[in-house]
Amino acid sequence: MSNATEAEYEVAHGRPKAFYENFERKDELQHQTHYCPGCGHGIVHKMLAQAIDELGIQNRTILISPVGCSVFAYYYFDVGNVQGAHGRAPAVATAVKRSQPQSIVIGYQGDGDLAAIGSAEILHAANRGENITVIFVNNAIYSMTGGQVAPTTLLGQRSTTTPNGRSAANEGYPLHVSELLATLEAPVYIERVGLGDNRQVAQAQHAVRRAVENQVRGLGFSLVEVLSPCPTIWKMSPVEAQHWVREVMEKTFPLGAFRDRTKDAPAKAAPPAAPALEDISRILGVADEGAVEEIDAEAKGAVDLQVRVAGFGGQGVLLLGEVLAEAGLHAGLQVSWLPSYGPEMRSGTSNCHVRLAREPIDSPLVVHPDVLVAMNEPSLHKFCASVPPGGWILYNGETVPAECERKDLHILARPFTHVADELGDGRAGNMVILGALLEATPILPQASVDAALGQLVKNPRWLALDERALARGRELLRESLQGVCHDG
């Protein structure tokens, strides 16, 4: 053994700095990835990590991980990481790049992710010429889920869903993503490479680096498609799988550059500066600044009202939630309003989630509402158990069914629709029940409620009726607190 010191050696290959020192997905075997022996993902990962190192962009890089075999890429790359939903990596990459234009944003996807459910996403990102880099690993099969036919599966290739081989008549032809995207005007660089032998691997490494470098130079959209072996699902040895890439896949997916405008493409213009925070409300038209009235100072820092409104379509469920949300905006609160409804215009299910808070809202979903507004009995049955002790149920009915009675809640049951009918029109029942809600949870100034109602209801007749309905709902709540309703 030589006595030469380590300093006398030059390291030709080693772990790229863009990789974590240890891969902590599992407690054991933190020196290796989860990929199968002979899988191409490990090779492509190293190519990408080396490109990041060589270009000196590790602290600027954000990797968008997909759904598929490479779903755990964020355990390996020591860069910014965002996980995208199935097929949505190009959309996520677009949002990240536009919001952080100084970053280098790289989408990493397999063929089942990019070419199937994500086909529209990649098509439109390329057509817009987004200044992102996409690494597209094509192994012609759905690998993670067990080997179903993919958009890129070859004609005659067997899969769990094409046991007799892919048929053009039944499953269509293999999708040529690189050729398809190359017909668009905007992309700057599109190349298909393979991992069939060492020569191909060297060419693939060069292409990956170019695709990333194009983004560093600000040239626009670049995509590298990599024909990759999948020994496990193909039921081959690693060596056989590598030969299959070179000898079989290439016949359907020829290698080469399908678009290369890197020499002539000018750098894309920098995006316009984001508007100032104080201008956003004006630009969106969501609030009249003169109408904003802060909530009571004693409530500041303690507001987090969560409301679930449910009923049939046509009962004004969504409008009730909108008025509540808009009033919160006018009062200077953080607000979320999330509607959910069936396909029917009338009599279908309809509900919405509303949150009003002093601090930023982490999720628009309301799982355990402080107030449940049930406009019909099915909604009461469905959601009454979700209200935590001490909360409110406002029910549009004469009495609460025995199976929904709870001693640990405040419950007001009234025929709010009939009350509205006495005021002039039963369709204002949603505003009567909203008035009761506002009285039960007194955090919003009346001026904010009036401003929100005026913004959403333009017809003077209906506006006057809704104002009377709100006032009557408040009266009903006050009457109930004098002993008419059950108060837990």
Protein backbone atom coordinates (compact mmCIF):
# COMPACT_ATOMS: atom_id res chain seq x y z
CA MET A 1 0.00 0.00 0.00
CA SER A 2 1.32 3.43 -0.89
CA ASN A 3 2.38 5.78 1.90
CA ALA A 4 1.28 8.83 -0.14
CA THR A 5 -0.88 11.30 1.73
CA GLU A 6 -4.46 12.03 0.77
CA ALA A 7 -3.45 15.48 -0.46
CA GLU A 8 -1.42 13.88 -3.28
CA TYR A 9 -4.53 12.35 -4.83
CA GLU A 10 -7.10 14.12 -6.99
CA VAL A 11 -10.65 12.88 -6.50
CA ALA A 12 -12.19 12.20 -9.91
CA HIS A 13 -15.57 10.95 -8.64
CA GLY A 14 -17.18 11.43 -5.27
CA ARG A 15 -20.38 12.35 -3.51
CA PRO A 16 -21.65 15.67 -4.89
CA LYS A 17 -22.09 18.43 -2.32
CA ALA A 18 -25.69 18.80 -3.50
CA PHE A 19 -26.45 15.44 -1.82
CA TYR A 20 -27.05 15.12 1.90
CA GLU A 21 -24.24 13.47 3.84
CA ASN A 22 -26.72 10.88 5.13
CA PHE A 23 -30.05 9.81 3.67
CA GLU A 24 -32.38 9.78 6.67
CA ARG A 25 -35.46 8.22 5.08
CA LYS A 26 -34.76 5.13 7.15
CA ASP A 27 -32.89 4.65 10.42
CA GLU A 28 -30.75 1.96 8.81
CA LEU A 29 -28.77 2.05 5.53
CA GLN A 30 -28.44 5.83 5.47
CA HIS A 31 -25.68 5.59 2.88
CA GLN A 32 -27.98 4.34 0.08
CA THR A 33 -31.15 5.34 -1.71
CA HIS A 34 -34.39 3.38 -1.89
CA TYR A 35 -34.02 2.63 -5.60
CA CYS A 36 -33.76 -0.93 -6.94
CA PRO A 37 -30.39 -2.23 -8.20
CA GLY A 38 -29.90 -1.08 -11.79
CA CYS A 39 -32.57 1.65 -11.61
CA GLY A 40 -31.74 4.73 -13.63
CA HIS A 41 -32.95 7.21 -11.05
CA GLY A 42 -29.76 6.92 -9.01
CA ILE A 43 -27.65 7.70 -12.09
CA VAL A 44 -29.81 10.69 -13.04
CA HIS A 45 -29.76 11.95 -9.46
CA LYS A 46 -25.96 12.01 -9.51
CA MET A 47 -25.90 13.79 -12.87
CA LEU A 48 -28.22 16.46 -11.55
CA ALA A 49 -26.31 16.85 -8.28
CA GLN A 50 -23.02 17.20 -10.18
CA ALA A 51 -24.50 19.85 -12.45
CA ILE A 52 -25.69 21.81 -9.40
CA ASP A 53 -22.18 21.60 -7.91
CA GLU A 54 -20.39 22.59 -11.11
CA LEU A 55 -22.64 25.60 -11.66
CA GLY A 56 -22.36 26.71 -8.02
CA ILE A 57 -26.10 27.02 -7.52
CA GLN A 58 -26.82 24.74 -4.55
CA ASN A 59 -28.09 27.57 -2.35
CA ARG A 60 -30.33 28.84 -5.16
CA THR A 61 -31.80 25.52 -6.32
CA ILE A 62 -35.35 24.35 -5.55
CA LEU A 63 -36.22 20.80 -6.60
CA ILE A 64 -39.84 19.91 -7.30
CA SER A 65 -40.31 16.22 -6.45
CA PRO A 66 -43.07 14.17 -8.13
CA VAL A 67 -45.30 11.25 -7.28
CA GLY A 68 -43.67 8.01 -8.42
CA CYS A 69 -40.49 6.08 -7.70
CA SER A 70 -38.59 9.35 -7.20
CA VAL A 71 -41.13 10.66 -4.70
CA PHE A 72 -38.44 10.67 -1.97
CA ALA A 73 -35.97 12.83 -3.92
CA TYR A 74 -36.14 15.40 -1.13
CA TYR A 75 -34.35 12.94 1.17
CA TYR A 76 -31.33 12.99 -1.13
CA PHE A 77 -30.87 16.51 -2.53
CA ASP A 78 -29.54 19.10 -0.10
CA VAL A 79 -31.36 21.96 -1.82
CA GLY A 80 -34.71 23.65 -1.43
CA ASN A 81 -37.40 20.98 -1.86
CA VAL A 82 -41.10 21.13 -2.67
CA GLN A 83 -43.32 18.07 -3.10
CA GLY A 84 -45.86 18.34 -5.91
CA ALA A 85 -49.14 16.46 -6.27
CA HIS A 86 -49.35 13.76 -8.95
CA GLY A 87 -48.53 15.34 -12.32
CA ARG A 88 -48.51 18.90 -10.99
CA ALA A 89 -44.76 19.47 -10.75
CA PRO A 90 -44.67 21.89 -13.75
CA ALA A 91 -47.44 24.00 -12.21
CA VAL A 92 -45.68 24.02 -8.85
CA ALA A 93 -42.38 24.85 -10.55
CA THR A 94 -44.06 27.73 -12.38
CA ALA A 95 -45.38 29.18 -9.14
CA VAL A 96 -42.04 28.81 -7.36
CA LYS A 97 -40.05 30.35 -10.23
CA ARG A 98 -42.39 33.28 -10.63
CA SER A 99 -42.45 34.01 -6.93
CA GLN A 100 -38.69 33.43 -6.51
CA PRO A 101 -37.23 34.39 -9.93
CA GLN A 102 -33.65 34.35 -8.64
CA SER A 103 -33.96 30.64 -7.81
CA ILE A 104 -33.06 27.74 -10.08
CA VAL A 105 -36.18 25.58 -10.21
CA ILE A 106 -35.92 21.98 -11.40
CA GLY A 107 -38.90 19.69 -11.98
CA TYR A 108 -38.11 15.98 -11.71
CA GLN A 109 -40.77 13.55 -13.05
CA GLY A 110 -41.30 10.03 -14.34
CA ASP A 111 -43.35 9.10 -17.39
CA GLY A 112 -46.45 8.06 -15.44
CA ASP A 113 -46.34 11.38 -13.58
CA LEU A 114 -45.46 13.72 -16.46
CA ALA A 115 -46.95 12.05 -19.54
CA ALA A 116 -50.24 10.78 -18.04
CA ILE A 117 -52.03 12.87 -15.41
CA GLY A 118 -49.44 15.65 -15.84
CA SER A 119 -49.59 15.92 -19.64
CA ALA A 120 -51.57 19.17 -19.62
CA GLU A 121 -49.27 20.69 -16.99
CA ILE A 122 -46.06 20.03 -18.95
CA LEU A 123 -47.63 21.06 -22.26
CA HIS A 124 -48.72 24.47 -21.02
CA ALA A 125 -45.58 25.15 -18.99
CA ALA A 126 -43.54 24.49 -22.14
CA ASN A 127 -45.90 26.55 -24.28
CA ARG A 128 -45.49 29.50 -21.93
CA GLY A 129 -41.73 29.09 -22.06
CA GLU A 130 -41.41 29.04 -18.28
CA ASN A 131 -37.78 29.55 -17.27
CA ILE A 132 -37.54 26.17 -15.54
CA THR A 133 -35.64 22.92 -16.11
CA VAL A 134 -37.46 19.58 -16.34
CA ILE A 135 -35.79 16.18 -15.98
CA PHE A 136 -38.14 13.56 -17.46
CA VAL A 137 -37.24 9.94 -16.63
CA ASN A 138 -38.91 7.58 -19.10
CA ASN A 139 -38.86 3.86 -18.27
CA ALA A 140 -42.00 3.05 -20.30
CA ILE A 141 -43.99 1.66 -17.36
CA TYR A 142 -45.73 2.58 -14.10
CA SER A 143 -43.06 1.28 -11.75
CA MET A 144 -44.02 2.35 -8.23
CA THR A 145 -47.58 1.03 -8.49
CA GLY A 146 -46.69 -2.39 -9.87
CA GLY A 147 -46.17 -2.21 -13.61
CA GLN A 148 -49.32 -0.92 -15.30
CA VAL A 149 -49.26 0.34 -18.88
CA ALA A 150 -47.99 3.93 -19.14
CA PRO A 151 -48.36 6.54 -21.92
CA THR A 152 -44.83 5.64 -23.02
CA THR A 153 -45.19 1.83 -22.93
CA LEU A 154 -43.99 0.35 -26.23
CA LEU A 155 -46.27 -1.41 -28.70
CA GLY A 156 -46.29 -5.09 -27.81
CA GLN A 157 -44.75 -4.46 -24.37
CA ARG A 158 -46.39 -6.49 -21.62
CA SER A 159 -47.61 -4.89 -18.41
CA THR A 160 -50.01 -5.86 -15.63
CA THR A 161 -52.82 -4.11 -17.53
CA THR A 162 -51.66 -5.25 -21.00
CA PRO A 163 -50.74 -8.90 -20.38
CA ASN A 164 -50.80 -9.61 -24.12
CA GLY A 165 -48.78 -6.51 -24.97
CA ARG A 166 -49.76 -2.93 -25.71
CA SER A 167 -52.10 -2.65 -28.68
CA ALA A 168 -52.44 0.50 -30.78
CA ALA A 169 -56.13 -0.29 -31.29
CA ASN A 170 -56.83 -0.61 -27.58
CA GLU A 171 -54.29 1.53 -25.69
CA GLY A 172 -53.10 3.82 -28.48
CA TYR A 173 -49.54 4.54 -29.51
CA PRO A 174 -46.62 5.42 -27.19
CA LEU A 175 -46.57 9.15 -26.44
CA HIS A 176 -43.48 10.95 -27.78
CA VAL A 177 -43.18 13.77 -25.27
CA SER A 178 -39.98 15.36 -26.63
CA GLU A 179 -41.25 15.43 -30.20
CA LEU A 180 -44.61 16.79 -29.05
CA LEU A 181 -43.10 19.64 -27.02
CA ALA A 182 -40.66 20.46 -29.81
CA THR A 183 -43.60 21.53 -32.02
CA LEU A 184 -44.20 24.46 -29.66
CA GLU A 185 -42.64 27.86 -30.23
CA ALA A 186 -41.46 28.68 -26.73
CA PRO A 187 -39.11 25.88 -25.55
CA VAL A 188 -35.40 26.61 -25.86
CA TYR A 189 -33.87 23.17 -25.38
CA ILE A 190 -35.37 19.66 -25.62
CA GLU A 191 -33.19 16.55 -25.87
CA ARG A 192 -33.71 12.83 -25.40
CA VAL A 193 -30.82 10.80 -23.99
CA GLY A 194 -30.42 7.24 -22.76
CA LEU A 195 -28.66 5.20 -20.10
CA GLY A 196 -27.97 2.19 -22.36
CA ASP A 197 -24.17 2.23 -22.06
CA ASN A 198 -21.32 4.38 -20.76
CA ARG A 199 -21.25 6.52 -23.90
CA GLN A 200 -24.94 7.31 -23.53
CA VAL A 201 -24.49 8.06 -19.83
CA ALA A 202 -21.77 10.59 -20.65
CA GLN A 203 -24.04 12.28 -23.22
CA ALA A 204 -26.91 12.31 -20.74
CA GLN A 205 -24.72 14.01 -18.14
CA HIS A 206 -23.80 16.70 -20.66
CA ALA A 207 -27.48 17.27 -21.55
CA VAL A 208 -28.59 17.54 -17.92
CA ARG A 209 -25.91 20.13 -17.23
CA ARG A 210 -26.90 22.14 -20.31
CA ALA A 211 -30.56 22.11 -19.31
CA VAL A 212 -29.73 23.49 -15.87
CA GLU A 213 -27.23 25.99 -17.25
CA ASN A 214 -29.86 27.33 -19.65
CA GLN A 215 -31.94 28.37 -16.67
CA VAL A 216 -28.94 29.96 -14.97
CA ARG A 217 -28.52 32.02 -18.16
CA GLY A 218 -32.24 32.86 -18.12
CA LEU A 219 -32.94 31.39 -21.55
CA GLY A 220 -36.28 29.72 -20.88
CA PHE A 221 -37.84 26.25 -20.84
CA SER A 222 -35.53 23.22 -21.07
CA LEU A 223 -36.40 19.51 -20.85
CA VAL A 224 -34.20 16.43 -20.91
CA GLU A 225 -35.93 13.10 -21.45
CA VAL A 226 -33.88 10.17 -20.12
CA LEU A 227 -34.57 6.61 -21.32
CA SER A 228 -34.00 4.69 -18.10
CA PRO A 229 -33.82 0.98 -17.19
CA CYS A 230 -36.30 -0.54 -14.73
CA PRO A 231 -34.99 -4.07 -14.05
CA THR A 232 -37.47 -4.96 -11.32
CA ILE A 233 -40.69 -4.22 -13.21
CA TRP A 234 -39.29 -5.30 -16.57
CA LYS A 235 -38.24 -8.57 -14.87
CA MET A 236 -34.68 -8.37 -16.19
CA SER A 237 -31.22 -8.28 -14.72
CA PRO A 238 -29.63 -4.80 -14.52
CA VAL A 239 -27.37 -5.64 -17.46
CA GLU A 240 -30.28 -6.93 -19.56
CA ALA A 241 -32.32 -3.85 -18.73
CA GLN A 242 -29.49 -1.57 -19.83
CA HIS A 243 -29.21 -3.44 -23.12
CA TRP A 244 -33.00 -3.19 -23.58
CA VAL A 245 -32.80 0.60 -23.34
CA ARG A 246 -30.20 0.71 -26.11
CA GLU A 247 -31.49 -2.07 -28.35
CA VAL A 248 -35.28 -1.80 -27.99
CA MET A 249 -36.44 1.51 -26.45
CA GLU A 250 -34.33 3.59 -28.83
CA LYS A 251 -36.20 2.19 -31.83
CA THR A 252 -39.39 3.81 -30.54
CA PHE A 253 -37.76 6.78 -28.84
CA PRO A 254 -34.74 7.87 -30.94
CA LEU A 255 -32.10 9.88 -29.12
CA GLY A 256 -31.13 13.40 -30.09
CA ALA A 257 -31.82 17.09 -29.64
CA PHE A 258 -35.29 18.01 -30.90
CA ARG A 259 -34.92 21.70 -30.07
CA ASP A 260 -31.77 23.69 -29.39
CA ARG A 261 -31.98 27.46 -29.54
CA THR A 262 -29.46 28.08 -26.78
CA LYS A 263 -27.00 29.88 -29.08
CA ASP A 264 -29.51 32.43 -30.34
CA ALA A 265 -32.05 32.68 -27.53
CA PRO A 266 -31.89 35.96 -25.61
CA ALA A 267 -32.23 35.96 -21.84
CA LYS A 268 -35.84 36.26 -20.80
CA ALA A 269 -36.85 39.64 -19.41
CA ALA A 270 -37.10 39.85 -15.65
CA PRO A 271 -40.68 39.58 -14.39
CA PRO A 272 -42.34 42.78 -13.21
CA ALA A 273 -41.95 43.59 -9.55
CA ALA A 274 -44.68 42.31 -7.25
CA PRO A 275 -47.16 44.95 -6.10
CA ALA A 276 -46.78 46.43 -2.65
CA LEU A 277 -48.75 44.58 0.01
CA GLU A 278 -50.92 47.61 0.71
CA ASP A 279 -51.95 47.78 -2.97
CA ILE A 280 -53.19 44.21 -3.29
CA SER A 281 -56.69 44.88 -1.91
CA ARG A 282 -57.12 47.78 -4.32
CA ILE A 283 -55.88 45.76 -7.31
CA LEU A 284 -58.18 42.83 -6.51
CA GLY A 285 -61.07 45.07 -5.60
CA VAL A 286 -61.78 43.04 -2.48
CA ALA A 287 -62.21 45.90 -0.03
CA ASP A 288 -63.05 49.56 0.11
CA GLU A 289 -60.32 50.95 2.35
CA GLY A 290 -62.65 53.64 3.67
CA ALA A 291 -65.07 51.00 4.93
CA VAL A 292 -62.60 49.04 7.02
CA GLU A 293 -63.39 49.12 10.71
CA GLU A 294 -61.17 47.26 13.16
CA ILE A 295 -62.77 44.81 15.56
CA ASP A 296 -62.91 45.55 19.22
CA ALA A 297 -59.42 45.94 20.71
CA GLU A 298 -60.19 43.40 23.44
CA ALA A 299 -60.73 40.73 20.80
CA LYS A 300 -57.41 41.35 19.04
CA GLY A 301 -55.07 38.42 19.18
CA ALA A 302 -57.84 36.11 20.37
CA VAL A 303 -59.98 35.71 17.26
CA ASP A 304 -60.24 32.32 15.54
CA LEU A 305 -63.84 31.72 14.59
CA GLN A 306 -64.52 28.56 12.58
CA VAL A 307 -67.94 28.18 10.97
CA ARG A 308 -69.49 25.35 8.95
CA VAL A 309 -72.61 26.23 6.94
CA ALA A 310 -74.53 23.34 5.37
CA GLY A 311 -77.82 22.77 3.59
CA PHE A 312 -79.42 22.25 0.21
CA GLY A 313 -78.55 24.15 -2.94
CA GLY A 314 -80.86 27.17 -3.23
CA GLN A 315 -80.95 27.90 0.51
CA GLY A 316 -78.29 30.62 0.27
CA VAL A 317 -75.61 28.62 2.05
CA LEU A 318 -72.70 30.01 0.04
CA LEU A 319 -73.96 33.60 0.18
CA LEU A 320 -74.25 33.36 3.96
CA GLY A 321 -70.61 32.32 4.11
CA GLU A 322 -69.58 35.03 1.64
CA VAL A 323 -71.19 37.80 3.68
CA LEU A 324 -69.48 36.53 6.82
CA ALA A 325 -66.12 36.33 5.06
CA GLU A 326 -66.39 39.76 3.42
CA ALA A 327 -67.38 41.30 6.74
CA GLY A 328 -64.24 39.77 8.23
CA LEU A 329 -62.13 41.36 5.48
CA HIS A 330 -63.69 44.75 6.14
CA ALA A 331 -62.92 44.31 9.83
CA GLY A 332 -59.24 43.74 9.08
CA LEU A 333 -59.22 40.03 9.89
CA GLN A 334 -57.52 37.11 8.15
CA VAL A 335 -60.25 35.24 6.25
CA SER A 336 -60.83 32.00 4.35
CA TRP A 337 -64.01 30.88 2.58
CA LEU A 338 -64.12 27.41 1.04
CA PRO A 339 -67.30 26.34 -0.80
CA SER A 340 -68.34 22.78 -1.57
CA TYR A 341 -71.43 21.81 -3.50
CA GLY A 342 -72.90 19.07 -5.64
CA PRO A 343 -73.57 19.29 -9.39
CA GLU A 344 -77.27 20.10 -8.98
CA MET A 345 -78.36 23.73 -9.22
CA ARG A 346 -81.13 23.14 -6.68
CA SER A 347 -81.69 20.56 -3.92
CA GLY A 348 -78.14 19.21 -4.13
CA THR A 349 -75.82 19.29 -1.15
CA SER A 350 -74.15 22.60 -0.41
CA ASN A 351 -71.84 23.67 2.37
CA CYS A 352 -68.98 26.05 3.02
CA HIS A 353 -66.17 26.53 5.51
CA VAL A 354 -65.47 30.01 6.87
CA ARG A 355 -62.62 31.04 9.15
CA LEU A 356 -62.01 34.47 10.68
CA ALA A 357 -58.78 34.98 12.59
CA ARG A 358 -56.37 37.61 13.78
CA GLU A 359 -53.33 35.47 12.86
CA PRO A 360 -52.64 33.90 9.42
CA ILE A 361 -54.90 30.91 8.73
CA ASP A 362 -53.12 27.58 8.31
CA SER A 363 -55.96 25.72 6.56
CA PRO A 364 -59.35 26.72 5.13
CA LEU A 365 -60.88 23.42 6.20
CA VAL A 366 -63.22 23.54 9.18
CA VAL A 367 -63.32 20.11 10.79
CA HIS A 368 -64.56 21.07 14.26
CA PRO A 369 -66.66 24.24 13.85
CA ASP A 370 -67.26 26.68 16.67
CA VAL A 371 -70.60 27.32 14.97
CA LEU A 372 -72.56 24.87 12.84
CA VAL A 373 -75.29 26.44 10.72
CA ALA A 374 -77.56 23.60 9.59
CA MET A 375 -80.14 24.76 7.07
CA ASN A 376 -81.79 21.32 6.90
CA GLU A 377 -82.08 18.15 8.96
CA PRO A 378 -79.68 15.97 6.89
CA SER A 379 -76.95 18.55 7.44
CA LEU A 380 -77.66 18.61 11.17
CA HIS A 381 -77.37 14.82 11.38
CA LYS A 382 -74.18 14.82 9.33
CA PHE A 383 -72.25 17.49 11.21
CA CYS A 384 -73.70 17.90 14.72
CA ALA A 385 -71.16 15.52 16.28
CA SER A 386 -68.27 17.56 14.89
CA VAL A 387 -69.02 20.64 17.03
CA PRO A 388 -66.76 20.72 20.11
CA PRO A 389 -68.19 21.28 23.60
CA GLY A 390 -69.16 24.90 24.20
CA GLY A 391 -69.90 25.53 20.52
CA TRP A 392 -73.09 26.63 18.82
CA ILE A 393 -75.60 24.91 16.56
CA LEU A 394 -78.08 27.11 14.68
CA TYR A 395 -80.70 24.86 13.13
CA ASN A 396 -83.36 25.81 10.60
CA GLY A 397 -86.14 23.73 12.14
CA GLU A 398 -88.81 23.77 14.83
CA THR A 399 -86.98 21.41 17.20
CA VAL A 400 -83.72 19.53 17.28
CA PRO A 401 -84.17 15.75 16.70
CA ALA A 402 -83.55 13.76 19.87
CA GLU A 403 -80.51 11.99 18.39
CA CYS A 404 -78.85 15.39 17.80
CA GLU A 405 -79.52 16.81 21.27
CA ARG A 406 -76.36 17.66 23.22
CA LYS A 407 -76.13 19.09 26.71
CA ASP A 408 -72.63 20.51 26.13
CA LEU A 409 -73.64 22.94 23.35
CA HIS A 410 -75.61 26.12 22.80
CA ILE A 411 -78.44 25.19 20.44
CA LEU A 412 -80.96 27.45 18.75
CA ALA A 413 -83.63 25.76 16.65
CA ARG A 414 -86.02 28.08 14.81
CA PRO A 415 -87.87 27.90 11.47
CA PHE A 416 -85.68 30.66 10.05
CA THR A 417 -87.13 30.24 6.56
CA HIS A 418 -90.67 30.85 7.92
CA VAL A 419 -89.43 33.87 9.85
CA ALA A 420 -88.01 35.28 6.62
CA ASP A 421 -91.31 34.54 4.87
CA GLU A 422 -93.07 36.75 7.44
CA LEU A 423 -90.57 39.53 6.59
CA GLY A 424 -91.38 39.32 2.89
CA ASP A 425 -89.56 36.37 1.27
CA GLY A 426 -88.54 32.97 2.62
CA ARG A 427 -85.34 33.09 0.57
CA ALA A 428 -83.91 35.51 3.13
CA GLY A 429 -83.86 32.75 5.73
CA ASN A 430 -80.08 32.53 5.35
CA MET A 431 -79.77 36.16 6.45
CA VAL A 432 -82.01 35.58 9.48
CA ILE A 433 -79.79 32.74 10.64
CA LEU A 434 -76.67 34.83 9.86
CA GLY A 435 -78.04 37.56 12.13
CA ALA A 436 -78.34 34.99 14.93
CA LEU A 437 -74.77 33.85 14.26
CA LEU A 438 -73.44 37.42 14.41
CA GLU A 439 -75.20 37.97 17.71
CA ALA A 440 -73.88 34.69 19.14
CA THR A 441 -70.29 35.51 18.13
CA PRO A 442 -70.01 39.30 18.56
CA ILE A 443 -66.61 39.92 16.96
CA LEU A 444 -67.62 41.85 13.83
CA PRO A 445 -68.69 45.52 13.85
CA GLN A 446 -72.07 46.21 12.31
CA ALA A 447 -70.44 48.63 9.88
CA SER A 448 -68.35 45.78 8.44
CA VAL A 449 -71.42 43.58 8.08
CA ASP A 450 -73.33 46.39 6.33
CA ALA A 451 -70.41 47.04 3.97
CA ALA A 452 -70.11 43.35 3.08
CA LEU A 453 -73.84 43.01 2.46
CA GLY A 454 -73.84 46.12 0.27
CA GLN A 455 -70.96 44.76 -1.75
CA LEU A 456 -72.58 41.37 -2.40
CA VAL A 457 -76.27 42.30 -2.75
CA LYS A 458 -76.81 44.92 -5.44
CA ASN A 459 -80.61 44.84 -5.75
CA PRO A 460 -82.03 47.57 -3.42
CA ARG A 461 -85.15 45.54 -2.65
CA TRP A 462 -83.17 42.50 -1.60
CA LEU A 463 -80.66 44.59 0.31
CA ALA A 464 -83.42 46.16 2.41
CA LEU A 465 -84.99 42.75 3.03
CA ASP A 466 -81.65 41.21 4.02
CA GLU A 467 -80.96 44.04 6.45
CA ARG A 468 -84.31 43.43 8.14
CA ALA A 469 -83.59 39.69 8.19
CA LEU A 470 -80.22 40.21 9.89
CA ALA A 471 -81.82 42.41 12.53
CA ARG A 472 -84.58 39.84 13.14
CA GLY A 473 -82.00 37.06 13.52
CA ARG A 474 -80.18 39.06 16.18
CA GLU A 475 -83.49 39.53 18.02
CA LEU A 476 -84.19 35.79 17.94
CA LEU A 477 -80.80 35.04 19.46
CA ARG A 478 -81.30 37.61 22.23
CA GLU A 479 -84.74 36.19 22.99
CA SER A 480 -83.27 32.69 23.18
CA LEU A 481 -80.66 33.78 25.69
CA GLN A 482 -83.48 34.87 27.95
CA GLY A 483 -84.45 31.23 28.36
CA VAL A 484 -86.17 30.12 25.18
CA CYS A 485 -83.33 27.97 23.78
CA HIS A 486 -81.39 25.20 25.46
CA ASP A 487 -78.05 26.60 26.65
CA GLY A 488 -75.53 23.95 27.63
